[in-house]
N, C-alpha and C. Protein backbone atom coordinates (compact mmCIF):
# COMPACT_ATOMS: atom_id res chain seq x y z
N MET A 1 148.34 38.68 29.91
CA MET A 1 149.03 38.16 28.80
C MET A 1 148.48 36.77 28.44
N LYS A 2 148.15 36.00 29.45
CA LYS A 2 147.60 34.68 29.21
C LYS A 2 146.26 34.78 28.49
N VAL A 3 145.52 35.77 28.87
CA VAL A 3 144.21 35.93 28.28
C VAL A 3 144.37 36.29 26.81
N LEU A 4 145.28 37.16 26.53
CA LEU A 4 145.50 37.57 25.15
C LEU A 4 145.95 36.38 24.30
N THR A 5 146.77 35.55 24.87
CA THR A 5 147.24 34.38 24.14
C THR A 5 146.08 33.42 23.90
N LEU A 6 145.23 33.26 24.89
CA LEU A 6 144.08 32.36 24.72
C LEU A 6 143.13 32.88 23.66
N ILE A 7 142.91 34.17 23.66
CA ILE A 7 142.02 34.75 22.66
C ILE A 7 142.63 34.56 21.27
N LEU A 8 143.89 34.78 21.18
CA LEU A 8 144.56 34.64 19.89
C LEU A 8 144.48 33.19 19.40
N LEU A 9 144.72 32.26 20.31
CA LEU A 9 144.66 30.85 19.93
C LEU A 9 143.21 30.47 19.55
N GLN A 10 142.26 31.04 20.26
CA GLN A 10 140.87 30.74 19.98
C GLN A 10 140.47 31.23 18.60
N THR A 11 140.92 32.41 18.24
CA THR A 11 140.58 32.93 16.93
C THR A 11 141.23 32.10 15.83
N PHE A 12 142.41 31.62 16.10
CA PHE A 12 143.08 30.76 15.09
C PHE A 12 142.35 29.43 14.96
N THR A 13 141.86 28.95 16.08
CA THR A 13 141.16 27.67 16.08
C THR A 13 139.84 27.80 15.32
N PHE A 14 139.12 28.89 15.57
CA PHE A 14 137.86 29.08 14.86
C PHE A 14 138.11 29.33 13.38
N ALA A 15 139.16 29.99 13.08
CA ALA A 15 139.45 30.26 11.68
C ALA A 15 139.75 28.97 10.96
N ALA A 16 140.36 28.04 11.62
CA ALA A 16 140.72 26.79 10.97
C ALA A 16 139.53 25.85 10.92
N GLY A 17 138.50 26.14 11.65
CA GLY A 17 137.36 25.24 11.73
C GLY A 17 136.57 25.15 10.44
N GLY A 18 136.70 26.09 9.55
CA GLY A 18 135.93 26.08 8.32
C GLY A 18 136.34 24.96 7.40
N GLY A 19 137.51 24.39 7.55
CA GLY A 19 137.96 23.26 6.76
C GLY A 19 138.54 23.63 5.42
N ALA A 20 138.46 24.88 5.02
CA ALA A 20 138.97 25.25 3.71
C ALA A 20 140.44 25.57 3.78
N GLY A 21 140.97 25.82 4.92
CA GLY A 21 142.37 26.17 5.06
C GLY A 21 142.62 27.62 4.70
N HIS A 22 143.21 28.27 5.60
CA HIS A 22 143.46 29.68 5.40
C HIS A 22 144.93 29.94 5.72
N LEU A 23 145.41 31.04 5.27
CA LEU A 23 146.80 31.40 5.49
C LEU A 23 147.08 31.57 6.98
N SER A 24 146.12 31.98 7.70
CA SER A 24 146.29 32.18 9.14
C SER A 24 146.50 30.86 9.86
N ASP A 25 146.12 29.75 9.25
CA ASP A 25 146.35 28.43 9.84
C ASP A 25 147.84 28.12 9.95
N LEU A 26 148.63 28.77 9.18
CA LEU A 26 150.08 28.49 9.18
C LEU A 26 150.85 29.38 10.15
N LEU A 27 150.15 30.29 10.84
CA LEU A 27 150.87 31.19 11.74
C LEU A 27 151.50 30.44 12.91
N VAL A 28 150.81 29.52 13.54
CA VAL A 28 151.37 28.79 14.69
C VAL A 28 152.55 27.91 14.26
N PRO A 29 152.40 27.11 13.19
CA PRO A 29 153.58 26.34 12.79
C PRO A 29 154.73 27.24 12.35
N ALA A 30 154.41 28.37 11.77
CA ALA A 30 155.48 29.30 11.37
C ALA A 30 156.17 29.85 12.58
N GLY A 31 155.39 30.18 13.62
CA GLY A 31 155.99 30.67 14.86
C GLY A 31 156.88 29.62 15.48
N ASN A 32 156.39 28.38 15.52
CA ASN A 32 157.21 27.28 16.04
C ASN A 32 158.50 27.10 15.22
N PHE A 33 158.35 27.16 13.93
CA PHE A 33 159.52 27.02 13.04
C PHE A 33 160.53 28.12 13.33
N ILE A 34 160.03 29.35 13.46
CA ILE A 34 160.92 30.49 13.69
C ILE A 34 161.61 30.34 15.04
N LEU A 35 160.87 29.93 16.06
CA LEU A 35 161.47 29.75 17.38
C LEU A 35 162.55 28.67 17.38
N VAL A 36 162.25 27.52 16.83
CA VAL A 36 163.22 26.40 16.84
C VAL A 36 164.45 26.73 16.02
N PHE A 37 164.22 27.13 14.79
CA PHE A 37 165.39 27.39 13.93
C PHE A 37 166.10 28.69 14.29
N GLY A 38 165.40 29.62 14.91
CA GLY A 38 166.05 30.83 15.42
C GLY A 38 167.00 30.49 16.55
N PHE A 39 166.54 29.60 17.45
CA PHE A 39 167.38 29.16 18.55
C PHE A 39 168.62 28.41 18.03
N ILE A 40 168.37 27.52 17.10
CA ILE A 40 169.49 26.76 16.51
C ILE A 40 170.48 27.71 15.83
N ALA A 41 169.95 28.69 15.09
CA ALA A 41 170.82 29.66 14.40
C ALA A 41 171.59 30.49 15.42
N TYR A 42 170.90 30.86 16.52
CA TYR A 42 171.56 31.66 17.56
C TYR A 42 172.72 30.87 18.18
N LYS A 43 172.54 29.59 18.43
CA LYS A 43 173.58 28.77 19.03
C LYS A 43 174.70 28.43 18.03
N LEU A 44 174.36 28.25 16.77
CA LEU A 44 175.36 27.87 15.77
C LEU A 44 176.10 29.05 15.16
N LYS A 45 175.54 30.26 15.32
CA LYS A 45 176.14 31.44 14.68
C LYS A 45 177.61 31.63 15.09
N PRO A 46 178.00 31.59 16.37
CA PRO A 46 179.42 31.78 16.72
C PRO A 46 180.31 30.68 16.15
N ILE A 47 179.82 29.45 16.14
CA ILE A 47 180.61 28.33 15.60
C ILE A 47 180.82 28.51 14.11
N ILE A 48 179.76 28.85 13.41
CA ILE A 48 179.86 29.05 11.95
C ILE A 48 180.73 30.26 11.64
N LYS A 49 180.53 31.33 12.45
CA LYS A 49 181.34 32.54 12.24
C LYS A 49 182.82 32.23 12.43
N LYS A 50 183.15 31.50 13.49
CA LYS A 50 184.55 31.12 13.75
C LYS A 50 185.09 30.26 12.60
N HIS A 51 184.27 29.32 12.17
CA HIS A 51 184.68 28.45 11.06
C HIS A 51 184.98 29.28 9.80
N PHE A 52 184.10 30.21 9.47
CA PHE A 52 184.33 31.04 8.28
C PHE A 52 185.53 31.96 8.45
N GLU A 53 185.72 32.49 9.66
CA GLU A 53 186.89 33.35 9.90
C GLU A 53 188.18 32.55 9.75
N ASP A 54 188.22 31.33 10.32
CA ASP A 54 189.40 30.49 10.18
C ASP A 54 189.67 30.16 8.72
N ASN A 55 188.60 29.81 8.03
CA ASN A 55 188.76 29.50 6.60
C ASN A 55 189.19 30.72 5.81
N SER A 56 188.68 31.91 6.19
CA SER A 56 189.08 33.12 5.46
C SER A 56 190.56 33.42 5.69
N ILE A 57 191.04 33.16 6.93
CA ILE A 57 192.47 33.36 7.20
C ILE A 57 193.31 32.38 6.39
N LYS A 58 192.87 31.13 6.37
CA LYS A 58 193.60 30.12 5.58
C LYS A 58 193.61 30.48 4.09
N VAL A 59 192.45 30.92 3.60
CA VAL A 59 192.37 31.30 2.18
C VAL A 59 193.27 32.50 1.92
N LYS A 60 193.27 33.47 2.84
CA LYS A 60 194.12 34.65 2.67
C LYS A 60 195.59 34.25 2.64
N GLU A 61 196.00 33.36 3.57
CA GLU A 61 197.40 32.89 3.59
C GLU A 61 197.73 32.13 2.31
N LEU A 62 196.79 31.33 1.87
CA LEU A 62 197.01 30.57 0.64
C LEU A 62 197.14 31.49 -0.56
N VAL A 63 196.32 32.52 -0.62
CA VAL A 63 196.41 33.48 -1.72
C VAL A 63 197.74 34.23 -1.67
N GLU A 64 198.16 34.63 -0.46
CA GLU A 64 199.45 35.32 -0.32
C GLU A 64 200.60 34.41 -0.73
N LEU A 65 200.54 33.14 -0.30
CA LEU A 65 201.58 32.19 -0.69
C LEU A 65 201.60 31.99 -2.20
N ALA A 66 200.41 31.88 -2.79
CA ALA A 66 200.32 31.73 -4.25
C ALA A 66 200.88 32.96 -4.94
N HIS A 67 200.59 34.14 -4.41
CA HIS A 67 201.11 35.38 -5.01
C HIS A 67 202.64 35.42 -4.90
N LYS A 68 203.16 35.02 -3.73
CA LYS A 68 204.62 35.00 -3.53
C LYS A 68 205.28 34.00 -4.48
N ARG A 69 204.70 32.83 -4.59
CA ARG A 69 205.26 31.81 -5.48
C ARG A 69 205.15 32.25 -6.94
N ASP A 70 204.09 32.97 -7.26
CA ASP A 70 203.94 33.48 -8.61
C ASP A 70 205.05 34.48 -8.93
N LYS A 71 205.37 35.35 -7.97
CA LYS A 71 206.47 36.30 -8.18
C LYS A 71 207.79 35.57 -8.36
N GLU A 72 208.03 34.56 -7.50
CA GLU A 72 209.27 33.78 -7.62
C GLU A 72 209.34 33.08 -8.97
N ALA A 73 208.23 32.50 -9.38
CA ALA A 73 208.20 31.81 -10.67
C ALA A 73 208.42 32.80 -11.81
N GLN A 74 207.86 33.99 -11.68
CA GLN A 74 208.03 35.01 -12.72
C GLN A 74 209.50 35.42 -12.82
N ILE A 75 210.14 35.59 -11.65
CA ILE A 75 211.56 35.96 -11.65
C ILE A 75 212.39 34.85 -12.29
N LYS A 76 212.12 33.60 -11.91
CA LYS A 76 212.84 32.47 -12.50
C LYS A 76 212.61 32.39 -14.01
N LEU A 77 211.36 32.59 -14.40
CA LEU A 77 211.04 32.55 -15.83
C LEU A 77 211.82 33.62 -16.59
N GLU A 78 211.86 34.82 -16.03
CA GLU A 78 212.61 35.91 -16.69
C GLU A 78 214.10 35.59 -16.76
N SER A 79 214.65 35.03 -15.67
CA SER A 79 216.08 34.70 -15.70
C SER A 79 216.36 33.59 -16.71
N TYR A 80 215.47 32.60 -16.78
CA TYR A 80 215.66 31.52 -17.76
C TYR A 80 215.51 32.04 -19.18
N GLN A 81 214.55 32.94 -19.39
CA GLN A 81 214.39 33.51 -20.73
C GLN A 81 215.62 34.33 -21.11
N GLU A 82 216.15 35.06 -20.14
CA GLU A 82 217.37 35.84 -20.41
C GLU A 82 218.54 34.91 -20.73
N LYS A 83 218.64 33.82 -19.98
CA LYS A 83 219.70 32.85 -20.27
C LYS A 83 219.52 32.23 -21.64
N MET A 84 218.27 31.91 -21.98
CA MET A 84 218.00 31.32 -23.29
C MET A 84 218.33 32.31 -24.41
N ASN A 85 218.06 33.58 -24.17
CA ASN A 85 218.38 34.59 -25.18
C ASN A 85 219.89 34.77 -25.32
N ASN A 86 220.62 34.55 -24.22
CA ASN A 86 222.07 34.74 -24.24
C ASN A 86 222.83 33.46 -24.58
N VAL A 87 222.13 32.37 -24.84
CA VAL A 87 222.80 31.10 -25.11
C VAL A 87 223.68 31.20 -26.36
N THR A 88 223.17 31.79 -27.41
CA THR A 88 223.96 31.85 -28.64
C THR A 88 225.21 32.69 -28.44
N SER A 89 225.08 33.80 -27.73
CA SER A 89 226.27 34.63 -27.50
C SER A 89 227.23 33.91 -26.57
N GLU A 90 226.71 33.16 -25.59
CA GLU A 90 227.57 32.37 -24.70
C GLU A 90 228.32 31.31 -25.49
N VAL A 91 227.62 30.63 -26.39
CA VAL A 91 228.26 29.59 -27.20
C VAL A 91 229.34 30.20 -28.07
N GLU A 92 229.03 31.34 -28.67
CA GLU A 92 230.02 31.99 -29.53
C GLU A 92 231.24 32.43 -28.73
N SER A 93 231.02 32.98 -27.54
CA SER A 93 232.17 33.41 -26.73
C SER A 93 232.98 32.21 -26.26
N ILE A 94 232.32 31.11 -25.92
CA ILE A 94 233.04 29.90 -25.50
C ILE A 94 233.87 29.36 -26.66
N LEU A 95 233.27 29.32 -27.85
CA LEU A 95 234.02 28.84 -29.02
C LEU A 95 235.19 29.76 -29.35
N ALA A 96 234.98 31.07 -29.24
CA ALA A 96 236.07 32.02 -29.50
C ALA A 96 237.19 31.83 -28.49
N ASN A 97 236.84 31.67 -27.23
CA ASN A 97 237.86 31.44 -26.20
C ASN A 97 238.59 30.12 -26.44
N ALA A 98 237.85 29.10 -26.86
CA ALA A 98 238.47 27.80 -27.12
C ALA A 98 239.45 27.91 -28.29
N LYS A 99 239.06 28.62 -29.35
CA LYS A 99 239.96 28.80 -30.49
C LYS A 99 241.21 29.57 -30.08
N LYS A 100 241.00 30.63 -29.28
CA LYS A 100 242.13 31.43 -28.82
C LYS A 100 243.07 30.59 -27.95
N ASP A 101 242.50 29.80 -27.07
CA ASP A 101 243.32 28.93 -26.21
C ASP A 101 244.06 27.89 -27.04
N ALA A 102 243.40 27.35 -28.05
CA ALA A 102 244.05 26.36 -28.91
C ALA A 102 245.21 26.99 -29.67
N GLN A 103 245.03 28.21 -30.18
CA GLN A 103 246.11 28.88 -30.90
C GLN A 103 247.28 29.18 -29.95
N GLU A 104 246.97 29.63 -28.75
CA GLU A 104 248.03 29.91 -27.78
C GLU A 104 248.77 28.63 -27.40
N PHE A 105 248.01 27.54 -27.23
CA PHE A 105 248.64 26.27 -26.91
C PHE A 105 249.54 25.81 -28.05
N GLU A 106 249.04 25.96 -29.27
CA GLU A 106 249.84 25.55 -30.43
C GLU A 106 251.14 26.35 -30.50
N LYS A 107 251.06 27.67 -30.29
CA LYS A 107 252.26 28.51 -30.33
C LYS A 107 253.23 28.12 -29.22
N SER A 108 252.70 27.92 -28.02
CA SER A 108 253.59 27.56 -26.90
C SER A 108 254.18 26.18 -27.12
N HIS A 109 253.39 25.26 -27.69
CA HIS A 109 253.91 23.91 -27.95
C HIS A 109 255.01 23.95 -29.01
N ILE A 110 254.81 24.73 -30.04
CA ILE A 110 255.84 24.86 -31.08
C ILE A 110 257.10 25.46 -30.49
N GLN A 111 256.95 26.48 -29.64
CA GLN A 111 258.11 27.11 -29.01
C GLN A 111 258.83 26.12 -28.09
N GLU A 112 258.07 25.34 -27.34
CA GLU A 112 258.67 24.34 -26.45
C GLU A 112 259.43 23.29 -27.25
N MET A 113 258.85 22.87 -28.36
CA MET A 113 259.52 21.86 -29.19
C MET A 113 260.81 22.43 -29.81
N ALA A 114 260.75 23.69 -30.23
CA ALA A 114 261.95 24.31 -30.80
C ALA A 114 263.02 24.43 -29.72
N ASP A 115 262.62 24.82 -28.51
CA ASP A 115 263.58 24.92 -27.41
C ASP A 115 264.17 23.55 -27.08
N ALA A 116 263.32 22.53 -27.07
CA ALA A 116 263.79 21.17 -26.78
C ALA A 116 264.75 20.70 -27.86
N LYS A 117 264.46 21.04 -29.12
CA LYS A 117 265.34 20.65 -30.23
C LYS A 117 266.69 21.34 -30.09
N ASP A 118 266.67 22.65 -29.79
CA ASP A 118 267.94 23.38 -29.60
C ASP A 118 268.75 22.80 -28.45
N LYS A 119 268.06 22.48 -27.36
CA LYS A 119 268.75 21.92 -26.21
C LYS A 119 269.34 20.56 -26.56
N ALA A 120 268.56 19.73 -27.26
CA ALA A 120 269.06 18.41 -27.65
C ALA A 120 270.26 18.54 -28.58
N THR A 121 270.20 19.52 -29.49
CA THR A 121 271.32 19.74 -30.41
C THR A 121 272.56 20.15 -29.62
N LYS A 122 272.41 21.08 -28.70
CA LYS A 122 273.54 21.53 -27.88
C LYS A 122 274.07 20.40 -27.02
N ASP A 123 273.16 19.63 -26.41
CA ASP A 123 273.58 18.50 -25.58
C ASP A 123 274.34 17.47 -26.39
N SER A 124 273.84 17.16 -27.59
CA SER A 124 274.54 16.16 -28.42
C SER A 124 275.90 16.69 -28.87
N ALA A 125 275.97 17.99 -29.17
CA ALA A 125 277.27 18.57 -29.56
C ALA A 125 278.24 18.50 -28.39
N HIS A 126 277.79 18.81 -27.19
CA HIS A 126 278.65 18.73 -26.01
C HIS A 126 279.07 17.29 -25.73
N LYS A 127 278.12 16.36 -25.91
CA LYS A 127 278.43 14.96 -25.68
C LYS A 127 279.46 14.46 -26.69
N LEU A 128 279.27 14.84 -27.95
CA LEU A 128 280.24 14.43 -28.99
C LEU A 128 281.62 15.01 -28.69
N GLU A 129 281.65 16.26 -28.28
CA GLU A 129 282.93 16.91 -27.96
C GLU A 129 283.60 16.22 -26.79
N SER A 130 282.78 15.88 -25.79
CA SER A 130 283.31 15.20 -24.61
C SER A 130 283.85 13.82 -24.98
N GLU A 131 283.08 13.07 -25.76
CA GLU A 131 283.53 11.74 -26.19
C GLU A 131 284.79 11.85 -27.05
N LYS A 132 284.85 12.88 -27.89
CA LYS A 132 286.03 13.09 -28.74
C LYS A 132 287.25 13.36 -27.87
N ASN A 133 287.07 14.22 -26.83
CA ASN A 133 288.20 14.52 -25.94
C ASN A 133 288.65 13.28 -25.18
N VAL A 134 287.66 12.46 -24.73
CA VAL A 134 288.01 11.22 -24.03
C VAL A 134 288.77 10.28 -24.95
N MET A 135 288.34 10.15 -26.18
CA MET A 135 289.00 9.27 -27.14
C MET A 135 290.42 9.77 -27.47
N ILE A 136 290.54 11.09 -27.65
CA ILE A 136 291.88 11.65 -27.94
C ILE A 136 292.80 11.41 -26.77
N LYS A 137 292.28 11.61 -25.56
CA LYS A 137 293.10 11.39 -24.37
C LYS A 137 293.50 9.93 -24.28
N SER A 138 292.53 9.05 -24.56
CA SER A 138 292.81 7.61 -24.52
C SER A 138 293.85 7.24 -25.57
N LEU A 139 293.70 7.82 -26.77
CA LEU A 139 294.68 7.54 -27.83
C LEU A 139 296.07 8.07 -27.45
N ASN A 140 296.12 9.26 -26.86
CA ASN A 140 297.41 9.82 -26.43
C ASN A 140 298.06 8.95 -25.37
N GLU A 141 297.26 8.49 -24.41
CA GLU A 141 297.80 7.62 -23.37
C GLU A 141 298.29 6.31 -23.97
N SER A 142 297.47 5.78 -24.87
CA SER A 142 297.84 4.51 -25.51
C SER A 142 299.11 4.70 -26.35
N LEU A 143 299.19 5.81 -27.07
CA LEU A 143 300.37 6.11 -27.89
C LEU A 143 301.60 6.30 -27.01
N LEU A 144 301.44 7.00 -25.91
CA LEU A 144 302.55 7.24 -24.99
C LEU A 144 303.02 5.93 -24.37
N ASP A 145 302.02 5.08 -23.98
CA ASP A 145 302.39 3.77 -23.42
C ASP A 145 303.14 2.94 -24.45
N GLU A 146 302.71 3.01 -25.68
CA GLU A 146 303.37 2.26 -26.76
C GLU A 146 304.80 2.76 -26.97
N VAL A 147 304.92 4.10 -26.96
CA VAL A 147 306.26 4.69 -27.14
C VAL A 147 307.18 4.28 -25.99
N ILE A 148 306.65 4.33 -24.78
CA ILE A 148 307.45 3.96 -23.60
C ILE A 148 307.83 2.49 -23.67
N SER A 149 306.87 1.67 -24.06
CA SER A 149 307.13 0.24 -24.15
C SER A 149 308.19 -0.05 -25.20
N LEU A 150 308.06 0.59 -26.34
CA LEU A 150 309.07 0.38 -27.41
C LEU A 150 310.44 0.90 -26.97
N THR A 151 310.40 2.01 -26.27
CA THR A 151 311.67 2.59 -25.80
C THR A 151 312.34 1.66 -24.79
N LYS A 152 311.55 1.10 -23.89
CA LYS A 152 312.09 0.17 -22.90
C LYS A 152 312.70 -1.05 -23.57
N ASN A 153 311.97 -1.56 -24.54
CA ASN A 153 312.48 -2.74 -25.25
C ASN A 153 313.79 -2.42 -25.98
N LYS A 154 313.79 -1.28 -26.59
CA LYS A 154 314.99 -0.90 -27.35
C LYS A 154 316.16 -0.67 -26.40
N ILE A 155 315.92 -0.03 -25.27
CA ILE A 155 316.98 0.25 -24.30
C ILE A 155 317.45 -1.06 -23.66
N SER A 156 316.49 -1.94 -23.34
CA SER A 156 316.89 -3.18 -22.69
C SER A 156 317.65 -4.10 -23.65
N LYS A 157 317.47 -4.02 -24.93
CA LYS A 157 318.16 -4.86 -25.89
C LYS A 157 319.57 -4.31 -26.18
N ASP A 158 319.69 -3.05 -26.15
CA ASP A 158 321.01 -2.45 -26.49
C ASP A 158 321.66 -1.97 -25.19
N ASN A 159 322.87 -2.53 -24.86
CA ASN A 159 323.56 -2.21 -23.62
C ASN A 159 324.15 -0.80 -23.65
N THR A 160 324.56 -0.34 -24.74
CA THR A 160 325.14 0.99 -24.82
C THR A 160 324.09 2.05 -24.54
N LEU A 161 322.92 1.85 -25.07
CA LEU A 161 321.83 2.80 -24.83
C LEU A 161 321.41 2.74 -23.37
N SER A 162 321.49 1.57 -22.81
CA SER A 162 321.10 1.40 -21.42
C SER A 162 322.04 2.19 -20.53
N GLY A 163 323.29 2.18 -20.81
CA GLY A 163 324.28 2.91 -20.03
C GLY A 163 324.10 4.40 -20.19
N LYS A 164 323.85 4.87 -21.40
CA LYS A 164 323.64 6.29 -21.64
C LYS A 164 322.40 6.78 -20.90
N THR A 165 321.39 5.98 -20.91
CA THR A 165 320.13 6.35 -20.27
C THR A 165 320.34 6.45 -18.76
N THR A 166 321.05 5.52 -18.22
CA THR A 166 321.29 5.54 -16.77
C THR A 166 322.11 6.75 -16.41
N ALA A 167 323.09 7.10 -17.23
CA ALA A 167 323.92 8.27 -16.95
C ALA A 167 323.10 9.54 -17.06
N ASN A 168 322.24 9.62 -18.03
CA ASN A 168 321.38 10.80 -18.19
C ASN A 168 320.43 10.96 -17.00
N LEU A 169 319.91 9.84 -16.55
CA LEU A 169 318.95 9.90 -15.42
C LEU A 169 319.68 10.33 -14.16
N LEU A 170 320.90 9.87 -13.98
CA LEU A 170 321.64 10.24 -12.79
C LEU A 170 322.03 11.71 -12.84
N ASN A 171 322.32 12.22 -13.97
CA ASN A 171 322.66 13.63 -14.10
C ASN A 171 321.45 14.51 -13.80
N ASN A 172 320.28 14.05 -14.17
CA ASN A 172 319.05 14.86 -13.97
C ASN A 172 318.63 14.87 -12.49
N ILE A 173 319.06 13.86 -11.76
CA ILE A 173 318.65 13.80 -10.36
C ILE A 173 319.58 14.59 -9.57
């Protein structure tokens, strides 16, 4: 094998001796280049392969995440578009409900005021009747006291009436 290598090197050396440069002159540097960079590629291949595999996994996860977020965004967009399409009907239903509530409130308020008015009228009538009865009773008591007072004065001034009164009272007892 050594002999073959020497012969090969010798032929390359003689070929290069002409000074014109031949393609065969580049075989040794090409062999050296292939050996050095082949070794480097052999050693770096697992590292580069691992790097690309890791990056491919990250890219795949990123694409899946982007796809998932795209679906979520699409769903949100559709729900917002549906809400935007229903806004006018929502506004109309809210206004209709507000008008209905206002009419019901007005009716109930009018009914409450009428009930309060009736109650106040009845209360004032009862109060007037009560005050009238108190005044009549007071007038009757005052009239009775006046009659008794006048009767006492009349009886105490007249001796004959005083005697008759005493006799009547004794008969009643």
